[in-house]
Amino acid sequence: MPTSRMVMMTVSGGELKMSWPEVVGMDILTAAKRIHKDRPDVRLEFHRIGDPTEPGYDDKRVRIFIHDDYTVAQTPVVG
């Protein structure tokens, strides 16, 4: 089954991961470790589903939206 993934090319030709669909349903600590392993250059923000967030794109931020049981509710993406 094909899967889609978001990546951005670096100047040196490498890929920077831009989304983490595989962490949906994971607890926030496990998800944070996975994202940080792939992209140690980004900071993580945690928000409950429905919480207001400031608008705007930030290529050094990943927002992680969580359920009340502290599991990841939707695919985290850079921005």
PDB file of N, CA and C in Angstrom:
ATOM      1  N   MET A   1       0.849  -1.173   0.000  1.00  0.00           N
ATOM      2  CA  MET A   1       0.000   0.000   0.000  1.00  0.00           C
ATOM      3  C   MET A   1       0.896   1.240   0.000  1.00  0.00           C
ATOM      4  N   PRO A   2       0.728   2.138  -0.942  1.00  0.00           N
ATOM      5  CA  PRO A   2       1.561   3.342  -0.977  1.00  0.00           C
ATOM      6  C   PRO A   2       1.216   4.278   0.174  1.00  0.00           C
ATOM      7  N   THR A   3       2.222   4.959   0.653  1.00  0.00           N
ATOM      8  CA  THR A   3       2.005   5.964   1.687  1.00  0.00           C
ATOM      9  C   THR A   3       2.556   7.283   1.192  1.00  0.00           C
ATOM     10  N   SER A   4       1.995   8.360   1.679  1.00  0.00           N
ATOM     11  CA  SER A   4       2.532   9.661   1.296  1.00  0.00           C
ATOM     12  C   SER A   4       3.325  10.207   2.472  1.00  0.00           C
ATOM     13  N   ARG A   5       4.319  11.017   2.163  1.00  0.00           N
ATOM     14  CA  ARG A   5       5.094  11.648   3.211  1.00  0.00           C
ATOM     15  C   ARG A   5       5.548  13.001   2.716  1.00  0.00           C
ATOM     16  N   MET A   6       5.699  13.912   3.646  1.00  0.00           N
ATOM     17  CA  MET A   6       6.154  15.252   3.312  1.00  0.00           C
ATOM     18  C   MET A   6       7.627  15.358   3.675  1.00  0.00           C
ATOM     19  N   VAL A   7       8.428  15.782   2.728  1.00  0.00           N
ATOM     20  CA  VAL A   7       9.844  16.013   2.986  1.00  0.00           C
ATOM     21  C   VAL A   7      10.263  17.296   2.292  1.00  0.00           C
ATOM     22  N   MET A   8      11.332  17.891   2.785  1.00  0.00           N
ATOM     23  CA  MET A   8      11.901  19.066   2.162  1.00  0.00           C
ATOM     24  C   MET A   8      13.367  18.751   1.894  1.00  0.00           C
ATOM     25  N   MET A   9      13.849  19.137   0.744  1.00  0.00           N
ATOM     26  CA  MET A   9      15.244  18.897   0.398  1.00  0.00           C
ATOM     27  C   MET A   9      16.134  19.952   1.033  1.00  0.00           C
ATOM     28  N   THR A  10      17.302  19.521   1.508  1.00  0.00           N
ATOM     29  CA  THR A  10      18.279  20.455   2.052  1.00  0.00           C
ATOM     30  C   THR A  10      19.242  20.861   0.949  1.00  0.00           C
ATOM     31  N   VAL A  11      20.060  21.849   1.226  1.00  0.00           N
ATOM     32  CA  VAL A  11      21.047  22.318   0.256  1.00  0.00           C
ATOM     33  C   VAL A  11      21.991  21.189  -0.140  1.00  0.00           C
ATOM     34  N   SER A  12      22.322  20.326   0.804  1.00  0.00           N
ATOM     35  CA  SER A  12      23.246  19.224   0.526  1.00  0.00           C
ATOM     36  C   SER A  12      22.569  18.041  -0.164  1.00  0.00           C
ATOM     37  N   GLY A  13      21.266  18.144  -0.420  1.00  0.00           N
ATOM     38  CA  GLY A  13      20.552  17.077  -1.113  1.00  0.00           C
ATOM     39  C   GLY A  13      19.862  16.092  -0.194  1.00  0.00           C
ATOM     40  N   GLY A  14      20.015  16.262   1.117  1.00  0.00           N
ATOM     41  CA  GLY A  14      19.335  15.393   2.069  1.00  0.00           C
ATOM     42  C   GLY A  14      17.877  15.779   2.220  1.00  0.00           C
ATOM     43  N   GLU A  15      17.120  14.940   2.900  1.00  0.00           N
ATOM     44  CA  GLU A  15      15.707  15.208   3.121  1.00  0.00           C
ATOM     45  C   GLU A  15      15.452  15.558   4.576  1.00  0.00           C
ATOM     46  N   LEU A  16      14.619  16.554   4.818  1.00  0.00           N
ATOM     47  CA  LEU A  16      14.151  16.893   6.153  1.00  0.00           C
ATOM     48  C   LEU A  16      12.698  16.448   6.260  1.00  0.00           C
ATOM     49  N   LYS A  17      12.398  15.654   7.248  1.00  0.00           N
ATOM     50  CA  LYS A  17      11.039  15.181   7.431  1.00  0.00           C
ATOM     51  C   LYS A  17      10.150  16.343   7.860  1.00  0.00           C
ATOM     52  N   MET A  18       8.939  16.399   7.324  1.00  0.00           N
ATOM     53  CA  MET A  18       8.028  17.508   7.573  1.00  0.00           C
ATOM     54  C   MET A  18       6.726  17.084   8.258  1.00  0.00           C
ATOM     55  N   SER A  19       6.420  15.787   8.307  1.00  0.00           N
ATOM     56  CA  SER A  19       5.201  15.316   8.965  1.00  0.00           C
ATOM     57  C   SER A  19       5.442  13.929   9.553  1.00  0.00           C
ATOM     58  N   TRP A  20       4.628  13.576  10.549  1.00  0.00           N
ATOM     59  CA  TRP A  20       4.799  12.319  11.277  1.00  0.00           C
ATOM     60  C   TRP A  20       3.457  11.619  11.461  1.00  0.00           C
ATOM     61  N   PRO A  21       2.884  11.080  10.393  1.00  0.00           N
ATOM     62  CA  PRO A  21       1.602  10.384  10.543  1.00  0.00           C
ATOM     63  C   PRO A  21       1.707   9.134  11.414  1.00  0.00           C
ATOM     64  N   GLU A  22       2.897   8.567  11.512  1.00  0.00           N
ATOM     65  CA  GLU A  22       3.086   7.334  12.277  1.00  0.00           C
ATOM     66  C   GLU A  22       2.931   7.526  13.780  1.00  0.00           C
ATOM     67  N   VAL A  23       2.934   8.762  14.279  1.00  0.00           N
ATOM     68  CA  VAL A  23       2.817   8.971  15.719  1.00  0.00           C
ATOM     69  C   VAL A  23       1.383   9.182  16.191  1.00  0.00           C
ATOM     70  N   VAL A  24       0.430   9.262  15.271  1.00  0.00           N
ATOM     71  CA  VAL A  24      -0.975   9.423  15.668  1.00  0.00           C
ATOM     72  C   VAL A  24      -1.374   8.217  16.517  1.00  0.00           C
ATOM     73  N   GLY A  25      -1.934   8.491  17.693  1.00  0.00           N
ATOM     74  CA  GLY A  25      -2.341   7.447  18.627  1.00  0.00           C
ATOM     75  C   GLY A  25      -1.293   7.126  19.677  1.00  0.00           C
ATOM     76  N   MET A  26      -0.055   7.567  19.466  1.00  0.00           N
ATOM     77  CA  MET A  26       1.003   7.333  20.452  1.00  0.00           C
ATOM     78  C   MET A  26       0.842   8.288  21.630  1.00  0.00           C
ATOM     79  N   ASP A  27       1.452   7.913  22.776  1.00  0.00           N
ATOM     80  CA  ASP A  27       1.495   8.844  23.896  1.00  0.00           C
ATOM     81  C   ASP A  27       2.450   9.983  23.528  1.00  0.00           C
ATOM     82  N   ILE A  28       2.293  11.126  24.175  1.00  0.00           N
ATOM     83  CA  ILE A  28       3.029  12.314  23.754  1.00  0.00           C
ATOM     84  C   ILE A  28       4.532  12.185  23.965  1.00  0.00           C
ATOM     85  N   LEU A  29       4.980  11.471  24.978  1.00  0.00           N
ATOM     86  CA  LEU A  29       6.414  11.329  25.204  1.00  0.00           C
ATOM     87  C   LEU A  29       7.070  10.513  24.089  1.00  0.00           C
ATOM     88  N   THR A  30       6.446   9.401  23.723  1.00  0.00           N
ATOM     89  CA  THR A  30       6.967   8.570  22.637  1.00  0.00           C
ATOM     90  C   THR A  30       6.970   9.337  21.319  1.00  0.00           C
ATOM     91  N   ALA A  31       5.888  10.058  21.057  1.00  0.00           N
ATOM     92  CA  ALA A  31       5.797  10.849  19.819  1.00  0.00           C
ATOM     93  C   ALA A  31       6.863  11.937  19.791  1.00  0.00           C
ATOM     94  N   ALA A  32       7.042  12.626  20.911  1.00  0.00           N
ATOM     95  CA  ALA A  32       8.039  13.698  20.968  1.00  0.00           C
ATOM     96  C   ALA A  32       9.442  13.152  20.714  1.00  0.00           C
ATOM     97  N   LYS A  33       9.760  12.014  21.285  1.00  0.00           N
ATOM     98  CA  LYS A  33      11.079  11.401  21.065  1.00  0.00           C
ATOM     99  C   LYS A  33      11.281  11.058  19.590  1.00  0.00           C
ATOM    100  N   ARG A  34      10.254  10.519  18.953  1.00  0.00           N
ATOM    101  CA  ARG A  34      10.346  10.148  17.540  1.00  0.00           C
ATOM    102  C   ARG A  34      10.577  11.379  16.666  1.00  0.00           C
ATOM    103  N   ILE A  35       9.805  12.432  16.912  1.00  0.00           N
ATOM    104  CA  ILE A  35       9.939  13.649  16.121  1.00  0.00           C
ATOM    105  C   ILE A  35      11.307  14.288  16.356  1.00  0.00           C
ATOM    106  N   HIS A  36      11.724  14.350  17.614  1.00  0.00           N
ATOM    107  CA  HIS A  36      13.022  14.962  17.928  1.00  0.00           C
ATOM    108  C   HIS A  36      14.178  14.167  17.314  1.00  0.00           C
ATOM    109  N   LYS A  37      14.038  12.860  17.236  1.00  0.00           N
ATOM    110  CA  LYS A  37      15.072  12.033  16.596  1.00  0.00           C
ATOM    111  C   LYS A  37      15.217  12.410  15.121  1.00  0.00           C
ATOM    112  N   ASP A  38      14.083  12.611  14.452  1.00  0.00           N
ATOM    113  CA  ASP A  38      14.096  12.969  13.027  1.00  0.00           C
ATOM    114  C   ASP A  38      14.491  14.418  12.791  1.00  0.00           C
ATOM    115  N   ARG A  39      14.054  15.305  13.674  1.00  0.00           N
ATOM    116  CA  ARG A  39      14.264  16.748  13.476  1.00  0.00           C
ATOM    117  C   ARG A  39      14.644  17.421  14.791  1.00  0.00           C
ATOM    118  N   PRO A  40      15.899  17.264  15.238  1.00  0.00           N
ATOM    119  CA  PRO A  40      16.311  17.913  16.486  1.00  0.00           C
ATOM    120  C   PRO A  40      16.335  19.434  16.389  1.00  0.00           C
ATOM    121  N   ASP A  41      16.191  19.965  15.178  1.00  0.00           N
ATOM    122  CA  ASP A  41      16.237  21.413  14.964  1.00  0.00           C
ATOM    123  C   ASP A  41      14.908  22.112  15.203  1.00  0.00           C
ATOM    124  N   VAL A  42      13.827  21.370  15.450  1.00  0.00           N
ATOM    125  CA  VAL A  42      12.523  22.010  15.655  1.00  0.00           C
ATOM    126  C   VAL A  42      12.131  21.952  17.125  1.00  0.00           C
ATOM    127  N   ARG A  43      11.307  22.921  17.530  1.00  0.00           N
ATOM    128  CA  ARG A  43      10.762  22.882  18.888  1.00  0.00           C
ATOM    129  C   ARG A  43       9.342  22.329  18.804  1.00  0.00           C
ATOM    130  N   LEU A  44       8.925  21.670  19.854  1.00  0.00           N
ATOM    131  CA  LEU A  44       7.614  21.033  19.893  1.00  0.00           C
ATOM    132  C   LEU A  44       6.671  21.838  20.768  1.00  0.00           C
ATOM    133  N   GLU A  45       5.455  22.016  20.288  1.00  0.00           N
ATOM    134  CA  GLU A  45       4.384  22.645  21.063  1.00  0.00           C
ATOM    135  C   GLU A  45       3.270  21.629  21.218  1.00  0.00           C
ATOM    136  N   PHE A  46       2.728  21.529  22.423  1.00  0.00           N
ATOM    137  CA  PHE A  46       1.626  20.605  22.683  1.00  0.00           C
ATOM    138  C   PHE A  46       0.355  21.399  22.939  1.00  0.00           C
ATOM    139  N   HIS A  47      -0.725  20.992  22.269  1.00  0.00           N
ATOM    140  CA  HIS A  47      -2.022  21.657  22.407  1.00  0.00           C
ATOM    141  C   HIS A  47      -3.107  20.594  22.437  1.00  0.00           C
ATOM    142  N   ARG A  48      -4.127  20.844  23.240  1.00  0.00           N
ATOM    143  CA  ARG A  48      -5.301  19.960  23.202  1.00  0.00           C
ATOM    144  C   ARG A  48      -6.121  20.314  21.962  1.00  0.00           C
ATOM    145  N   ILE A  49      -6.806  19.330  21.430  1.00  0.00           N
ATOM    146  CA  ILE A  49      -7.706  19.563  20.296  1.00  0.00           C
ATOM    147  C   ILE A  49      -8.698  20.652  20.681  1.00  0.00           C
ATOM    148  N   GLY A  50      -8.857  21.639  19.830  1.00  0.00           N
ATOM    149  CA  GLY A  50      -9.798  22.725  20.067  1.00  0.00           C
ATOM    150  C   GLY A  50      -9.208  23.941  20.752  1.00  0.00           C
ATOM    151  N   ASP A  51      -8.004  23.808  21.323  1.00  0.00           N
ATOM    152  CA  ASP A  51      -7.366  24.966  21.940  1.00  0.00           C
ATOM    153  C   ASP A  51      -6.983  25.976  20.858  1.00  0.00           C
ATOM    154  N   PRO A  52      -7.115  27.263  21.155  1.00  0.00           N
ATOM    155  CA  PRO A  52      -6.695  28.275  20.175  1.00  0.00           C
ATOM    156  C   PRO A  52      -5.168  28.293  20.057  1.00  0.00           C
ATOM    157  N   THR A  53      -4.682  28.544  18.861  1.00  0.00           N
ATOM    158  CA  THR A  53      -3.248  28.680  18.621  1.00  0.00           C
ATOM    159  C   THR A  53      -3.028  29.946  17.796  1.00  0.00           C
ATOM    160  N   GLU A  54      -1.843  30.501  17.930  1.00  0.00           N
ATOM    161  CA  GLU A  54      -1.528  31.692  17.146  1.00  0.00           C
ATOM    162  C   GLU A  54      -1.335  31.302  15.693  1.00  0.00           C
ATOM    163  N   PRO A  55      -1.854  32.097  14.771  1.00  0.00           N
ATOM    164  CA  PRO A  55      -1.679  31.784  13.349  1.00  0.00           C
ATOM    165  C   PRO A  55      -0.242  32.063  12.912  1.00  0.00           C
ATOM    166  N   GLY A  56       0.104  31.521  11.777  1.00  0.00           N
ATOM    167  CA  GLY A  56       1.415  31.794  11.207  1.00  0.00           C
ATOM    168  C   GLY A  56       2.242  30.531  11.050  1.00  0.00           C
ATOM    169  N   TYR A  57       3.115  30.582  10.070  1.00  0.00           N
ATOM    170  CA  TYR A  57       3.997  29.458   9.764  1.00  0.00           C
ATOM    171  C   TYR A  57       5.349  29.687  10.421  1.00  0.00           C
ATOM    172  N   ASP A  58       5.909  28.628  10.997  1.00  0.00           N
ATOM    173  CA  ASP A  58       7.245  28.678  11.594  1.00  0.00           C
ATOM    174  C   ASP A  58       7.943  27.368  11.232  1.00  0.00           C
ATOM    175  N   ASP A  59       8.988  27.442  10.413  1.00  0.00           N
ATOM    176  CA  ASP A  59       9.654  26.230   9.946  1.00  0.00           C
ATOM    177  C   ASP A  59      10.516  25.563  11.014  1.00  0.00           C
ATOM    178  N   LYS A  60      10.505  26.112  12.209  1.00  0.00           N
ATOM    179  CA  LYS A  60      11.226  25.503  13.335  1.00  0.00           C
ATOM    180  C   LYS A  60      10.271  25.051  14.431  1.00  0.00           C
ATOM    181  N   ARG A  61       8.996  24.855  14.073  1.00  0.00           N
ATOM    182  CA  ARG A  61       7.975  24.457  15.051  1.00  0.00           C
ATOM    183  C   ARG A  61       7.184  23.262  14.539  1.00  0.00           C
ATOM    184  N   VAL A  62       6.871  22.361  15.474  1.00  0.00           N
ATOM    185  CA  VAL A  62       5.923  21.286  15.216  1.00  0.00           C
ATOM    186  C   VAL A  62       4.882  21.348  16.323  1.00  0.00           C
ATOM    187  N   ARG A  63       3.631  21.517  15.931  1.00  0.00           N
ATOM    188  CA  ARG A  63       2.533  21.493  16.901  1.00  0.00           C
ATOM    189  C   ARG A  63       1.986  20.080  16.977  1.00  0.00           C
ATOM    190  N   ILE A  64       1.835  19.609  18.207  1.00  0.00           N
ATOM    191  CA  ILE A  64       1.281  18.275  18.444  1.00  0.00           C
ATOM    192  C   ILE A  64      -0.045  18.453  19.156  1.00  0.00           C
ATOM    193  N   PHE A  65      -1.115  18.060  18.481  1.00  0.00           N
ATOM    194  CA  PHE A  65      -2.447  18.166  19.056  1.00  0.00           C
ATOM    195  C   PHE A  65      -2.802  16.843  19.709  1.00  0.00           C
ATOM    196  N   ILE A  66      -3.290  16.936  20.962  1.00  0.00           N
ATOM    197  CA  ILE A  66      -3.502  15.727  21.760  1.00  0.00           C
ATOM    198  C   ILE A  66      -4.946  15.607  22.240  1.00  0.00           C
ATOM    199  N   HIS A  67      -5.307  14.358  22.536  1.00  0.00           N
ATOM    200  CA  HIS A  67      -6.586  14.047  23.171  1.00  0.00           C
ATOM    201  C   HIS A  67      -6.440  14.235  24.686  1.00  0.00           C
ATOM    202  N   ASP A  68      -7.542  14.125  25.417  1.00  0.00           N
ATOM    203  CA  ASP A  68      -7.508  14.242  26.879  1.00  0.00           C
ATOM    204  C   ASP A  68      -6.684  13.136  27.539  1.00  0.00           C
ATOM    205  N   ASP A  69      -6.485  12.014  26.848  1.00  0.00           N
ATOM    206  CA  ASP A  69      -5.682  10.925  27.419  1.00  0.00           C
ATOM    207  C   ASP A  69      -4.192  11.045  27.060  1.00  0.00           C
ATOM    208  N   TYR A  70      -3.803  12.210  26.543  1.00  0.00           N
ATOM    209  CA  TYR A  70      -2.408  12.524  26.200  1.00  0.00           C
ATOM    210  C   TYR A  70      -1.846  11.649  25.081  1.00  0.00           C
ATOM    211  N   THR A  71      -2.712  11.294  24.146  1.00  0.00           N
ATOM    212  CA  THR A  71      -2.258  10.625  22.930  1.00  0.00           C
ATOM    213  C   THR A  71      -2.392  11.599  21.766  1.00  0.00           C
ATOM    214  N   VAL A  72      -1.588  11.405  20.748  1.00  0.00           N
ATOM    215  CA  VAL A  72      -1.571  12.297  19.590  1.00  0.00           C
ATOM    216  C   VAL A  72      -2.853  12.125  18.792  1.00  0.00           C
ATOM    217  N   ALA A  73      -3.525  13.245  18.526  1.00  0.00           N
ATOM    218  CA  ALA A  73      -4.840  13.210  17.882  1.00  0.00           C
ATOM    219  C   ALA A  73      -4.783  13.351  16.367  1.00  0.00           C
ATOM    220  N   GLN A  74      -3.780  14.060  15.844  1.00  0.00           N
ATOM    221  CA  GLN A  74      -3.691  14.247  14.396  1.00  0.00           C
ATOM    222  C   GLN A  74      -2.221  14.348  13.996  1.00  0.00           C
ATOM    223  N   THR A  75      -1.963  14.201  12.727  1.00  0.00           N
ATOM    224  CA  THR A  75      -0.598  14.187  12.226  1.00  0.00           C
ATOM    225  C   THR A  75       0.140  15.487  12.535  1.00  0.00           C
ATOM    226  N   PRO A  76       1.227  15.408  13.296  1.00  0.00           N
ATOM    227  CA  PRO A  76       2.047  16.599  13.520  1.00  0.00           C
ATOM    228  C   PRO A  76       2.807  16.979  12.247  1.00  0.00           C
ATOM    229  N   VAL A  77       2.865  18.271  11.975  1.00  0.00           N
ATOM    230  CA  VAL A  77       3.567  18.772  10.804  1.00  0.00           C
ATOM    231  C   VAL A  77       4.418  19.987  11.192  1.00  0.00           C
ATOM    232  N   VAL A  78       5.475  20.215  10.435  1.00  0.00           N
ATOM    233  CA  VAL A  78       6.291  21.408  10.619  1.00  0.00           C
ATOM    234  C   VAL A  78       5.462  22.610  10.195  1.00  0.00           C
ATOM    235  N   GLY A  79       5.526  23.668  10.949  1.00  0.00           N
ATOM    236  CA  GLY A  79       4.835  24.882  10.568  1.00  0.00           C
ATOM    237  C   GLY A  79       4.287  25.579  11.745  1.00  0.00           C
TER     238      GLY A  79
END
